[in-house]
């Protein structure tokens, strides 16, 4: 976004990393500590956006992933996934949509996963919340369309991040990807950038897999 001339606010509970990234990006970026499961943090972030000139887009990208089989998944683990992956996405839409509409319309991009489009053995908490993100995106797209707020869902496959390597057997799954490699972060970011842009002005309620062909297997 910054490379394309946009101005961004980065929110995360990882304060040192977030502040360093904002500093690296320069004056076009700001950082604020932000727990996506806390409504007060959303209000603080959006107050900052309003002071900086309004809001035209949101990427709900926060994620929590601790794979466990059903027998080892307790209520606390399920709730941790729910709070970040599902509640956080809902709150982002709830609090950002009015400000985006006030700015004349724009785009919300929710990050789901291919684990939310097919079975994901050993990760029932993660998978169920990522299925929910798809449903949230569809419902919000329908409701917010009259306000000119578009809502779309990106479903990445295996991406080269530390989160991917939490999954047992990741190298075995990576070897099965039809395009022959795991995704780079930029492969997903490019799709997100497109959906935020005016080039996607007639796209809402879509689910787009960025997975190297994993879903065709």
Protein backbone atom coordinates (compact mmCIF):
# COMPACT_ATOMS: atom_id res chain seq x y z
CA UNK A 1 0.00 0.00 0.00
CA UNK A 2 2.76 2.41 0.89
CA UNK A 3 4.61 1.63 -2.35
CA UNK A 4 1.43 2.49 -4.26
CA UNK A 5 1.11 5.85 -2.51
CA UNK A 6 -1.20 4.89 0.32
CA UNK A 7 -1.06 5.81 3.97
CA UNK A 8 -1.41 2.99 6.48
CA UNK A 9 -1.97 2.35 10.15
CA UNK A 10 -0.48 -0.87 11.49
CA UNK A 11 -2.07 -2.40 14.56
CA UNK A 12 -0.72 -5.34 16.54
CA UNK A 13 -0.04 -6.59 20.04
CA UNK A 14 3.60 -7.10 18.98
CA UNK A 15 4.61 -3.54 19.81
CA UNK A 16 8.33 -3.65 19.08
CA UNK A 17 7.89 -5.31 15.68
CA UNK A 18 5.00 -3.05 14.71
CA UNK A 19 6.80 0.14 15.67
CA UNK A 20 9.91 -0.98 13.78
CA UNK A 21 7.89 -1.69 10.65
CA UNK A 22 6.17 1.70 10.80
CA UNK A 23 9.56 3.40 11.21
CA UNK A 24 10.91 1.48 8.23
CA UNK A 25 7.97 2.57 6.06
CA UNK A 26 8.42 6.22 6.99
CA UNK A 27 5.90 9.04 7.26
CA UNK A 28 3.25 7.13 5.32
CA UNK A 29 2.85 4.65 8.19
CA UNK A 30 1.82 4.82 11.83
CA UNK A 31 1.70 2.12 14.49
CA UNK A 32 -0.73 1.66 17.36
CA UNK A 33 -0.94 -1.15 19.88
CA UNK A 34 -4.06 -3.06 18.99
CA UNK A 35 -5.70 -6.21 20.33
CA UNK A 36 -8.30 -7.12 17.70
CA UNK A 37 -10.57 -8.76 20.29
CA UNK A 38 -10.94 -5.53 22.28
CA UNK A 39 -13.55 -3.01 21.09
CA UNK A 40 -11.73 -0.14 22.87
CA UNK A 41 -8.60 -0.83 20.80
CA UNK A 42 -10.63 -0.67 17.59
CA UNK A 43 -12.09 2.67 18.63
CA UNK A 44 -8.59 4.02 19.36
CA UNK A 45 -7.29 2.88 15.99
CA UNK A 46 -10.21 4.36 14.10
CA UNK A 47 -9.97 7.62 16.02
CA UNK A 48 -6.38 7.80 14.78
CA UNK A 49 -7.50 7.07 11.21
CA UNK A 50 -10.06 9.85 11.40
CA UNK A 51 -7.45 12.31 12.64
CA UNK A 52 -5.18 11.31 9.75
CA UNK A 53 -7.85 12.05 7.16
CA UNK A 54 -10.34 9.19 7.09
CA UNK A 55 -10.43 5.51 6.26
CA UNK A 56 -10.83 3.86 2.86
CA UNK A 57 -9.82 0.27 3.54
CA UNK A 58 -9.21 -2.33 6.21
CA UNK A 59 -7.31 -5.63 6.16
CA UNK A 60 -8.36 -8.04 8.90
CA UNK A 61 -5.12 -10.00 8.99
CA UNK A 62 -4.59 -10.91 12.65
CA UNK A 63 -4.46 -14.66 13.12
CA UNK A 64 -3.98 -17.28 15.82
CA UNK A 65 -2.94 -20.85 14.99
CA UNK A 66 -2.19 -23.63 17.46
CA UNK A 67 -2.99 -26.95 15.78
CA UNK A 68 -4.32 -29.70 18.04
CA UNK A 69 -6.46 -32.79 17.42
CA UNK A 70 -10.01 -32.78 18.77
CA UNK A 71 -9.09 -34.82 21.86
CA UNK A 72 -6.47 -32.21 22.85
CA UNK A 73 -8.59 -29.14 22.06
CA UNK A 74 -10.20 -27.70 25.16
CA UNK A 75 -12.60 -24.78 25.51
CA UNK A 76 -9.81 -22.35 26.32
CA UNK A 77 -7.89 -23.14 23.13
CA UNK A 78 -11.03 -22.86 21.03
CA UNK A 79 -11.85 -19.53 22.63
CA UNK A 80 -8.37 -18.14 21.93
CA UNK A 81 -8.83 -18.94 18.24
CA UNK A 82 -12.33 -17.49 18.29
CA UNK A 83 -11.28 -14.20 19.87
CA UNK A 84 -8.55 -13.42 17.35
CA UNK A 85 -9.75 -15.06 14.14
CA UNK A 86 -13.52 -14.66 14.37
CA UNK A 87 -14.41 -12.00 16.93
CA UNK A 88 -11.51 -9.81 15.79
CA UNK A 89 -12.74 -9.95 12.18
CA UNK A 90 -16.29 -9.10 13.21
CA UNK A 91 -15.21 -6.16 15.36
CA UNK A 92 -13.02 -4.83 12.57
CA UNK A 93 -15.98 -4.79 10.20
CA UNK A 94 -18.38 -3.38 12.80
CA UNK A 95 -16.20 -0.45 13.76
CA UNK A 96 -14.52 0.37 10.44
CA UNK A 97 -17.50 0.15 8.09
CA UNK A 98 -19.16 3.43 9.18
CA UNK A 99 -15.91 5.36 8.79
CA UNK A 100 -15.21 3.80 5.38
CA UNK A 101 -18.74 4.68 4.27
CA UNK A 102 -18.25 8.22 5.58
CA UNK A 103 -15.15 8.48 3.37
CA UNK A 104 -17.26 7.70 0.29
CA UNK A 105 -16.88 3.93 0.31
CA UNK A 106 -14.02 1.49 0.11
CA UNK A 107 -12.96 -2.04 0.82
CA UNK A 108 -12.60 -4.51 3.67
CA UNK A 109 -10.44 -7.58 3.04
CA UNK A 110 -10.71 -10.46 5.50
CA UNK A 111 -7.99 -13.10 5.61
CA UNK A 112 -9.40 -16.62 5.91
CA UNK A 113 -7.44 -19.70 4.82
CA UNK A 114 -7.69 -22.75 2.61
CA UNK A 115 -8.22 -24.47 5.97
CA UNK A 116 -11.54 -22.63 5.93
CA UNK A 117 -12.45 -24.10 2.53
CA UNK A 118 -11.55 -27.76 2.98
CA UNK A 119 -10.88 -30.20 5.78
CA UNK A 120 -7.92 -29.50 8.05
CA UNK A 121 -7.19 -32.54 10.24
CA UNK A 122 -5.59 -31.72 13.56
CA UNK A 123 -6.60 -28.06 13.56
CA UNK A 124 -10.31 -27.98 14.39
CA UNK A 125 -10.18 -24.70 16.32
CA UNK A 126 -8.30 -22.83 13.60
CA UNK A 127 -10.26 -24.36 10.75
CA UNK A 128 -13.67 -23.67 12.28
CA UNK A 129 -12.87 -20.01 12.88
CA UNK A 130 -11.54 -19.60 9.34
CA UNK A 131 -14.74 -21.15 7.96
CA UNK A 132 -16.57 -18.54 10.04
CA UNK A 133 -14.57 -15.71 8.47
CA UNK A 134 -15.97 -16.73 5.10
CA UNK A 135 -19.52 -16.53 6.43
CA UNK A 136 -18.90 -13.19 8.13
CA UNK A 137 -17.51 -11.84 4.86
CA UNK A 138 -20.54 -12.95 2.84
CA UNK A 139 -23.03 -11.53 5.34
CA UNK A 140 -21.18 -8.22 5.62
CA UNK A 141 -20.81 -7.89 1.85
CA UNK A 142 -24.57 -8.17 1.41
CA UNK A 143 -25.44 -5.79 4.23
CA UNK A 144 -22.84 -3.12 3.49
CA UNK A 145 -23.15 -2.98 -0.31
CA UNK A 146 -25.65 -0.07 -0.22
CA UNK A 147 -23.08 1.99 1.71
CA UNK A 148 -20.43 1.37 -0.98
CA UNK A 149 -18.33 -0.71 1.40
CA UNK A 150 -17.08 -3.86 -0.35
CA UNK A 151 -16.13 -6.95 1.67
CA UNK A 152 -14.06 -9.77 0.24
CA UNK A 153 -12.23 -12.77 1.61
CA UNK A 154 -8.74 -14.02 0.72
CA UNK A 155 -7.90 -17.66 1.51
CA UNK A 156 -4.14 -18.24 1.50
CA UNK A 157 -2.60 -21.67 1.40
CA UNK A 158 0.80 -22.38 2.95
CA UNK A 159 2.74 -19.13 3.26
CA UNK A 160 6.37 -18.83 4.33
CA UNK A 161 5.76 -17.40 7.79
CA UNK A 162 6.50 -18.70 11.27
CA UNK A 163 2.81 -19.60 11.64
CA UNK A 164 2.99 -22.15 8.83
CA UNK A 165 5.76 -24.03 10.58
CA UNK A 166 3.52 -24.58 13.60
CA UNK A 167 1.77 -27.23 11.52
CA UNK A 168 3.06 -30.79 11.82
CA UNK A 169 4.14 -32.20 8.46
CA UNK A 170 4.31 -28.80 6.77
CA UNK A 171 7.12 -29.88 4.43
CA UNK A 172 5.10 -32.88 3.29
CA UNK A 173 2.11 -30.68 2.49
CA UNK A 174 4.34 -28.12 0.77
CA UNK A 175 5.70 -30.82 -1.54
CA UNK A 176 2.15 -31.51 -2.74
CA UNK A 177 1.38 -27.94 -3.91
CA UNK A 178 0.75 -28.03 -7.69
CA UNK A 179 2.77 -24.86 -8.38
CA UNK A 180 5.70 -26.45 -6.58
CA UNK A 181 6.34 -23.99 -3.76
CA UNK A 182 4.89 -22.32 -0.68
CA UNK A 183 3.59 -18.80 -1.11
CA UNK A 184 5.71 -15.79 -0.39
CA UNK A 185 4.06 -13.05 1.66
CA UNK A 186 3.98 -10.87 -1.47
CA UNK A 187 1.84 -13.42 -3.31
CA UNK A 188 -0.94 -12.79 -0.81
CA UNK A 189 -0.27 -9.07 -0.39
CA UNK A 190 -0.67 -8.52 -4.12
CA UNK A 191 -4.19 -9.94 -4.08
CA UNK A 192 -5.08 -7.91 -1.01
CA UNK A 193 -3.80 -4.75 -2.69
CA UNK A 194 -5.93 -5.47 -5.76
CA UNK A 195 -9.08 -5.97 -3.67
CA UNK A 196 -8.44 -2.71 -1.83
CA UNK A 197 -8.00 -0.82 -5.07
CA UNK A 198 -10.47 0.82 -7.44
CA UNK A 199 -9.65 -1.90 -9.99
CA UNK A 200 -11.81 -4.21 -7.84
CA UNK A 201 -14.67 -1.71 -7.55
CA UNK A 202 -17.27 -4.25 -8.77
CA UNK A 203 -16.08 -7.15 -6.62
CA UNK A 204 -17.75 -7.85 -3.28
CA UNK A 205 -18.58 -11.06 -1.44
CA UNK A 206 -15.84 -12.95 -3.28
CA UNK A 207 -13.63 -15.70 -1.87
CA UNK A 208 -10.26 -15.92 -3.58
CA UNK A 209 -7.81 -18.75 -2.87
CA UNK A 210 -4.14 -17.81 -3.10
CA UNK A 211 -2.86 -21.32 -2.65
CA UNK A 212 -0.73 -22.44 -5.58
CA UNK A 213 -3.48 -24.80 -6.72
CA UNK A 214 -3.92 -26.64 -3.42
CA UNK A 215 -7.71 -26.73 -3.73
CA UNK A 216 -7.59 -28.58 -7.05
CA UNK A 217 -6.04 -31.62 -5.37
